[in-house]
PDB file of all heavy atoms in Angstrom:
ATOM      1  N   SER A   1       0.828  -1.171   0.017  1.00  0.00           N
ATOM      2  CA  SER A   1       0.003  -0.008  -0.011  1.00  0.00           C
ATOM      3  C   SER A   1       0.896   1.223   0.009  1.00  0.00           C
ATOM      4  O   SER A   1       1.714   1.394   0.849  1.00  0.00           O
ATOM      5  CB  SER A   1      -0.892  -0.027   1.234  1.00  0.00           C
ATOM      6  OG  SER A   1      -1.545   1.239   1.433  1.00  0.00           O
ATOM      7  N   SER A   2       0.706   2.128  -0.983  1.00  0.00           N
ATOM      8  CA  SER A   2       1.413   3.397  -1.047  1.00  0.00           C
ATOM      9  C   SER A   2       2.906   3.180  -0.928  1.00  0.00           C
ATOM     10  O   SER A   2       3.525   2.461  -1.714  1.00  0.00           O
ATOM     11  CB  SER A   2       0.865   4.294   0.082  1.00  0.00           C
ATOM     12  OG  SER A   2       1.246   5.620  -0.083  1.00  0.00           O
ATOM     13  N   ALA A   3       3.552   3.832   0.021  1.00  0.00           N
ATOM     14  CA  ALA A   3       5.026   3.687   0.180  1.00  0.00           C
ATOM     15  C   ALA A   3       5.431   2.286   0.389  1.00  0.00           C
ATOM     16  O   ALA A   3       6.481   1.808  -0.038  1.00  0.00           O
ATOM     17  CB  ALA A   3       5.504   4.608   1.318  1.00  0.00           C
ATOM     18  N   GLY A   4       4.569   1.505   1.065  1.00  0.00           N
ATOM     19  CA  GLY A   4       4.794   0.099   1.262  1.00  0.00           C
ATOM     20  C   GLY A   4       4.877  -0.697  -0.037  1.00  0.00           C
ATOM     21  O   GLY A   4       5.581  -1.672  -0.142  1.00  0.00           O
ATOM     22  N   CYS A   5       4.136  -0.218  -1.043  1.00  0.00           N
ATOM     23  CA  CYS A   5       4.142  -0.872  -2.337  1.00  0.00           C
ATOM     24  C   CYS A   5       5.519  -0.695  -2.998  1.00  0.00           C
ATOM     25  O   CYS A   5       5.978  -1.617  -3.682  1.00  0.00           O
ATOM     26  CB  CYS A   5       3.020  -0.274  -3.224  1.00  0.00           C
ATOM     27  SG  CYS A   5       2.911  -1.021  -4.864  1.00  0.00           S
ATOM     28  N   LEU A   6       6.113   0.483  -2.786  1.00  0.00           N
ATOM     29  CA  LEU A   6       7.445   0.677  -3.403  1.00  0.00           C
ATOM     30  C   LEU A   6       8.458  -0.213  -2.738  1.00  0.00           C
ATOM     31  O   LEU A   6       9.351  -0.788  -3.449  1.00  0.00           O
ATOM     32  CB  LEU A   6       7.861   2.148  -3.169  1.00  0.00           C
ATOM     33  CG  LEU A   6       6.891   3.174  -3.804  1.00  0.00           C
ATOM     34  CD1 LEU A   6       7.410   4.625  -3.549  1.00  0.00           C
ATOM     35  CD2 LEU A   6       6.710   2.942  -5.274  1.00  0.00           C
ATOM     36  N   ASN A   7       8.376  -0.436  -1.435  1.00  0.00           N
ATOM     37  CA  ASN A   7       9.256  -1.403  -0.742  1.00  0.00           C
ATOM     38  C   ASN A   7       9.041  -2.794  -1.257  1.00  0.00           C
ATOM     39  O   ASN A   7       9.986  -3.598  -1.443  1.00  0.00           O
ATOM     40  CB  ASN A   7       9.106  -1.324   0.739  1.00  0.00           C
ATOM     41  CG  ASN A   7       9.745  -0.070   1.373  1.00  0.00           C
ATOM     42  OD1 ASN A   7      10.706   0.455   0.852  1.00  0.00           O
ATOM     43  ND2 ASN A   7       9.178   0.376   2.476  1.00  0.00           N
ATOM     44  N   ALA A   8       7.731  -3.157  -1.439  1.00  0.00           N
ATOM     45  CA  ALA A   8       7.432  -4.488  -1.961  1.00  0.00           C
ATOM     46  C   ALA A   8       7.971  -4.687  -3.330  1.00  0.00           C
ATOM     47  O   ALA A   8       8.479  -5.752  -3.700  1.00  0.00           O
ATOM     48  CB  ALA A   8       5.901  -4.673  -1.941  1.00  0.00           C
ATOM     49  N   MET A   9       7.946  -3.640  -4.145  1.00  0.00           N
ATOM     50  CA  MET A   9       8.477  -3.685  -5.484  1.00  0.00           C
ATOM     51  C   MET A   9       9.986  -3.992  -5.490  1.00  0.00           C
ATOM     52  O   MET A   9      10.482  -4.817  -6.230  1.00  0.00           O
ATOM     53  CB  MET A   9       8.196  -2.373  -6.219  1.00  0.00           C
ATOM     54  CG  MET A   9       8.696  -2.297  -7.637  1.00  0.00           C
ATOM     55  SD  MET A   9      10.435  -1.722  -7.785  1.00  0.00           S
ATOM     56  CE  MET A   9      10.332  -0.078  -7.113  1.00  0.00           C
ATOM     57  N   TRP A  10      10.718  -3.315  -4.593  1.00  0.00           N
ATOM     58  CA  TRP A  10      12.155  -3.525  -4.490  1.00  0.00           C
ATOM     59  C   TRP A  10      12.429  -4.978  -4.046  1.00  0.00           C
ATOM     60  O   TRP A  10      13.352  -5.624  -4.558  1.00  0.00           O
ATOM     61  CB  TRP A  10      12.789  -2.541  -3.529  1.00  0.00           C
ATOM     62  CG  TRP A  10      12.999  -1.207  -4.126  1.00  0.00           C
ATOM     63  CD1 TRP A  10      12.327  -0.044  -3.760  1.00  0.00           C
ATOM     64  CD2 TRP A  10      13.931  -0.803  -5.125  1.00  0.00           C
ATOM     65  NE1 TRP A  10      12.780   1.007  -4.549  1.00  0.00           N
ATOM     66  CE2 TRP A  10      13.753   0.561  -5.373  1.00  0.00           C
ATOM     67  CE3 TRP A  10      14.898  -1.517  -5.861  1.00  0.00           C
ATOM     68  CZ2 TRP A  10      14.532   1.274  -6.316  1.00  0.00           C
ATOM     69  CZ3 TRP A  10      15.650  -0.792  -6.777  1.00  0.00           C
ATOM     70  CH2 TRP A  10      15.479   0.574  -7.044  1.00  0.00           C
ATOM     71  N   LEU A  11      11.671  -5.486  -3.141  1.00  0.00           N
ATOM     72  CA  LEU A  11      11.836  -6.887  -2.694  1.00  0.00           C
ATOM     73  C   LEU A  11      11.601  -7.845  -3.818  1.00  0.00           C
ATOM     74  O   LEU A  11      12.414  -8.798  -4.081  1.00  0.00           O
ATOM     75  CB  LEU A  11      10.949  -7.218  -1.471  1.00  0.00           C
ATOM     76  CG  LEU A  11      11.068  -8.585  -0.966  1.00  0.00           C
ATOM     77  CD1 LEU A  11      11.141  -8.607   0.568  1.00  0.00           C
ATOM     78  CD2 LEU A  11       9.926  -9.509  -1.438  1.00  0.00           C
ATOM     79  N   VAL A  12      10.494  -7.626  -4.536  1.00  0.00           N
ATOM     80  CA  VAL A  12      10.127  -8.567  -5.636  1.00  0.00           C
ATOM     81  C   VAL A  12      11.234  -8.497  -6.687  1.00  0.00           C
ATOM     82  O   VAL A  12      11.549  -9.553  -7.333  1.00  0.00           O
ATOM     83  CB  VAL A  12       8.782  -8.178  -6.247  1.00  0.00           C
ATOM     84  CG1 VAL A  12       8.535  -8.878  -7.542  1.00  0.00           C
ATOM     85  CG2 VAL A  12       7.673  -8.500  -5.248  1.00  0.00           C
ATOM     86  N   SER A  13      11.834  -7.363  -6.925  1.00  0.00           N
ATOM     87  CA  SER A  13      12.858  -7.224  -7.972  1.00  0.00           C
ATOM     88  C   SER A  13      14.135  -7.957  -7.663  1.00  0.00           C
ATOM     89  O   SER A  13      14.951  -8.214  -8.562  1.00  0.00           O
ATOM     90  CB  SER A  13      13.207  -5.753  -8.213  1.00  0.00           C
ATOM     91  OG  SER A  13      13.981  -5.227  -7.130  1.00  0.00           O
ATOM     92  N   GLY A  14      14.390  -8.264  -6.373  1.00  0.00           N
ATOM     93  CA  GLY A  14      15.621  -8.888  -5.973  1.00  0.00           C
ATOM     94  C   GLY A  14      16.716  -7.867  -5.836  1.00  0.00           C
ATOM     95  O   GLY A  14      17.903  -8.271  -5.733  1.00  0.00           O
ATOM     96  N   ARG A  15      16.370  -6.561  -5.788  1.00  0.00           N
ATOM     97  CA  ARG A  15      17.374  -5.510  -5.766  1.00  0.00           C
ATOM     98  C   ARG A  15      17.190  -4.606  -4.549  1.00  0.00           C
ATOM     99  O   ARG A  15      17.359  -3.381  -4.618  1.00  0.00           O
ATOM    100  CB  ARG A  15      17.309  -4.663  -7.030  1.00  0.00           C
ATOM    101  CG  ARG A  15      17.511  -5.495  -8.294  1.00  0.00           C
ATOM    102  CD  ARG A  15      17.454  -4.645  -9.517  1.00  0.00           C
ATOM    103  NE  ARG A  15      17.732  -5.453 -10.745  1.00  0.00           N
ATOM    104  CZ  ARG A  15      18.007  -4.888 -11.903  1.00  0.00           C
ATOM    105  NH1 ARG A  15      18.184  -3.573 -12.016  1.00  0.00           N
ATOM    106  NH2 ARG A  15      18.200  -5.663 -12.955  1.00  0.00           N
ATOM    107  N   LEU A  16      16.887  -5.196  -3.442  1.00  0.00           N
ATOM    108  CA  LEU A  16      16.638  -4.420  -2.249  1.00  0.00           C
ATOM    109  C   LEU A  16      17.794  -3.490  -1.871  1.00  0.00           C
ATOM    110  O   LEU A  16      17.602  -2.337  -1.445  1.00  0.00           O
ATOM    111  CB  LEU A  16      16.396  -5.360  -1.063  1.00  0.00           C
ATOM    112  CG  LEU A  16      14.939  -5.827  -0.875  1.00  0.00           C
ATOM    113  CD1 LEU A  16      14.866  -6.983   0.113  1.00  0.00           C
ATOM    114  CD2 LEU A  16      14.012  -4.669  -0.396  1.00  0.00           C
ATOM    115  N   ARG A  17      19.019  -3.967  -2.078  1.00  0.00           N
ATOM    116  CA  ARG A  17      20.165  -3.199  -1.695  1.00  0.00           C
ATOM    117  C   ARG A  17      20.397  -1.981  -2.632  1.00  0.00           C
ATOM    118  O   ARG A  17      21.159  -1.086  -2.236  1.00  0.00           O
ATOM    119  CB  ARG A  17      21.403  -4.088  -1.598  1.00  0.00           C
ATOM    120  CG  ARG A  17      21.244  -5.126  -0.498  1.00  0.00           C
ATOM    121  CD  ARG A  17      22.469  -5.987  -0.309  1.00  0.00           C
ATOM    122  NE  ARG A  17      22.168  -6.981   0.697  1.00  0.00           N
ATOM    123  CZ  ARG A  17      22.340  -6.787   2.027  1.00  0.00           C
ATOM    124  NH1 ARG A  17      22.753  -5.616   2.440  1.00  0.00           N
ATOM    125  NH2 ARG A  17      22.092  -7.764   2.872  1.00  0.00           N
ATOM    126  N   ASP A  18      19.753  -2.001  -3.791  1.00  0.00           N
ATOM    127  CA  ASP A  18      19.773  -0.798  -4.615  1.00  0.00           C
ATOM    128  C   ASP A  18      18.738   0.231  -4.155  1.00  0.00           C
ATOM    129  O   ASP A  18      18.971   1.408  -4.178  1.00  0.00           O
ATOM    130  CB  ASP A  18      19.450  -1.128  -6.081  1.00  0.00           C
ATOM    131  CG  ASP A  18      20.574  -1.887  -6.729  1.00  0.00           C
ATOM    132  OD1 ASP A  18      21.673  -1.929  -6.234  1.00  0.00           O
ATOM    133  OD2 ASP A  18      20.313  -2.422  -7.866  1.00  0.00           O
ATOM    134  N   GLY A  19      17.571  -0.265  -3.691  1.00  0.00           N
ATOM    135  CA  GLY A  19      16.453   0.594  -3.445  1.00  0.00           C
ATOM    136  C   GLY A  19      16.310   1.117  -1.996  1.00  0.00           C
ATOM    137  O   GLY A  19      15.966   2.310  -1.824  1.00  0.00           O
ATOM    138  N   ILE A  20      16.500   0.277  -1.029  1.00  0.00           N
ATOM    139  CA  ILE A  20      16.227   0.686   0.330  1.00  0.00           C
ATOM    140  C   ILE A  20      17.081   1.861   0.823  1.00  0.00           C
ATOM    141  O   ILE A  20      16.587   2.753   1.541  1.00  0.00           O
ATOM    142  CB  ILE A  20      16.314  -0.532   1.321  1.00  0.00           C
ATOM    143  CG1 ILE A  20      15.295  -1.619   0.925  1.00  0.00           C
ATOM    144  CG2 ILE A  20      16.098  -0.058   2.744  1.00  0.00           C
ATOM    145  CD1 ILE A  20      13.899  -1.114   0.760  1.00  0.00           C
ATOM    146  N   PRO A  21      18.364   1.926   0.399  1.00  0.00           N
ATOM    147  CA  PRO A  21      19.149   3.102   0.838  1.00  0.00           C
ATOM    148  C   PRO A  21      18.653   4.418   0.359  1.00  0.00           C
ATOM    149  O   PRO A  21      19.028   5.467   0.898  1.00  0.00           O
ATOM    150  CB  PRO A  21      20.578   2.794   0.274  1.00  0.00           C
ATOM    151  CG  PRO A  21      20.641   1.286   0.170  1.00  0.00           C
ATOM    152  CD  PRO A  21      19.222   0.903  -0.220  1.00  0.00           C
ATOM    153  N   THR A  22      17.723   4.419  -0.644  1.00  0.00           N
ATOM    154  CA  THR A  22      17.164   5.697  -1.118  1.00  0.00           C
ATOM    155  C   THR A  22      16.346   6.431  -0.036  1.00  0.00           C
ATOM    156  O   THR A  22      16.188   7.619  -0.087  1.00  0.00           O
ATOM    157  CB  THR A  22      16.287   5.499  -2.359  1.00  0.00           C
ATOM    158  OG1 THR A  22      15.193   4.656  -2.010  1.00  0.00           O
ATOM    159  CG2 THR A  22      17.093   4.847  -3.490  1.00  0.00           C
ATOM    160  N   TRP A  23      15.891   5.657   0.960  1.00  0.00           N
ATOM    161  CA  TRP A  23      15.123   6.298   2.049  1.00  0.00           C
ATOM    162  C   TRP A  23      15.990   7.257   2.846  1.00  0.00           C
ATOM    163  O   TRP A  23      15.498   8.213   3.439  1.00  0.00           O
ATOM    164  CB  TRP A  23      14.542   5.237   2.962  1.00  0.00           C
ATOM    165  CG  TRP A  23      13.421   4.481   2.417  1.00  0.00           C
ATOM    166  CD1 TRP A  23      13.354   3.186   2.005  1.00  0.00           C
ATOM    167  CD2 TRP A  23      12.085   4.960   2.287  1.00  0.00           C
ATOM    168  NE1 TRP A  23      12.109   2.826   1.554  1.00  0.00           N
ATOM    169  CE2 TRP A  23      11.314   3.908   1.738  1.00  0.00           C
ATOM    170  CE3 TRP A  23      11.467   6.215   2.511  1.00  0.00           C
ATOM    171  CZ2 TRP A  23       9.958   4.029   1.384  1.00  0.00           C
ATOM    172  CZ3 TRP A  23      10.126   6.302   2.179  1.00  0.00           C
ATOM    173  CH2 TRP A  23       9.358   5.284   1.617  1.00  0.00           C
ATOM    174  N   THR A  24      17.286   7.032   2.852  1.00  0.00           N
ATOM    175  CA  THR A  24      18.135   7.914   3.665  1.00  0.00           C
ATOM    176  C   THR A  24      19.137   8.659   2.806  1.00  0.00           C
ATOM    177  O   THR A  24      20.151   9.176   3.339  1.00  0.00           O
ATOM    178  CB  THR A  24      18.924   7.037   4.745  1.00  0.00           C
ATOM    179  OG1 THR A  24      19.654   6.007   4.009  1.00  0.00           O
ATOM    180  CG2 THR A  24      17.966   6.420   5.687  1.00  0.00           C
ATOM    181  N   ASP A  25      18.882   8.812   1.516  1.00  0.00           N
ATOM    182  CA  ASP A  25      19.671   9.599   0.645  1.00  0.00           C
ATOM    183  C   ASP A  25      19.136  11.049   0.677  1.00  0.00           C
ATOM    184  O   ASP A  25      18.024  11.335   0.172  1.00  0.00           O
ATOM    185  CB  ASP A  25      19.614   9.051  -0.780  1.00  0.00           C
ATOM    186  CG  ASP A  25      20.465   9.833  -1.773  1.00  0.00           C
ATOM    187  OD1 ASP A  25      20.569  11.087  -1.639  1.00  0.00           O
ATOM    188  OD2 ASP A  25      20.997   9.252  -2.749  1.00  0.00           O
ATOM    189  N   PRO A  26      19.868  12.027   1.260  1.00  0.00           N
ATOM    190  CA  PRO A  26      19.336  13.414   1.427  1.00  0.00           C
ATOM    191  C   PRO A  26      18.902  13.987   0.093  1.00  0.00           C
ATOM    192  O   PRO A  26      17.810  14.652   0.078  1.00  0.00           O
ATOM    193  CB  PRO A  26      20.513  14.112   2.048  1.00  0.00           C
ATOM    194  CG  PRO A  26      21.401  13.103   2.700  1.00  0.00           C
ATOM    195  CD  PRO A  26      21.254  11.853   1.853  1.00  0.00           C
ATOM    196  N   ALA A  27      19.662  13.805  -0.933  1.00  0.00           N
ATOM    197  CA  ALA A  27      19.327  14.429  -2.221  1.00  0.00           C
ATOM    198  C   ALA A  27      17.943  13.878  -2.757  1.00  0.00           C
ATOM    199  O   ALA A  27      17.093  14.657  -3.191  1.00  0.00           O
ATOM    200  CB  ALA A  27      20.396  14.203  -3.289  1.00  0.00           C
ATOM    201  N   LEU A  28      17.796  12.578  -2.643  1.00  0.00           N
ATOM    202  CA  LEU A  28      16.563  11.976  -3.146  1.00  0.00           C
ATOM    203  C   LEU A  28      15.337  12.327  -2.257  1.00  0.00           C
ATOM    204  O   LEU A  28      14.250  12.606  -2.757  1.00  0.00           O
ATOM    205  CB  LEU A  28      16.680  10.441  -3.185  1.00  0.00           C
ATOM    206  CG  LEU A  28      17.382   9.894  -4.447  1.00  0.00           C
ATOM    207  CD1 LEU A  28      17.611   8.411  -4.322  1.00  0.00           C
ATOM    208  CD2 LEU A  28      16.625  10.202  -5.703  1.00  0.00           C
ATOM    209  N   VAL A  29      15.592  12.371  -0.938  1.00  0.00           N
ATOM    210  CA  VAL A  29      14.457  12.686  -0.041  1.00  0.00           C
ATOM    211  C   VAL A  29      13.978  14.113  -0.281  1.00  0.00           C
ATOM    212  O   VAL A  29      12.760  14.405  -0.364  1.00  0.00           O
ATOM    213  CB  VAL A  29      14.845  12.508   1.414  1.00  0.00           C
ATOM    214  CG1 VAL A  29      13.842  13.089   2.381  1.00  0.00           C
ATOM    215  CG2 VAL A  29      15.041  11.018   1.724  1.00  0.00           C
TER     216      VAL A  29
END
């Protein structure tokens, strides 16, 4: 659901280590 869907997408892709760090990237946030 919402932001949770984006996390689910990264998990399904098999690329969690590419995506999850974006939560704490100041430029992206």
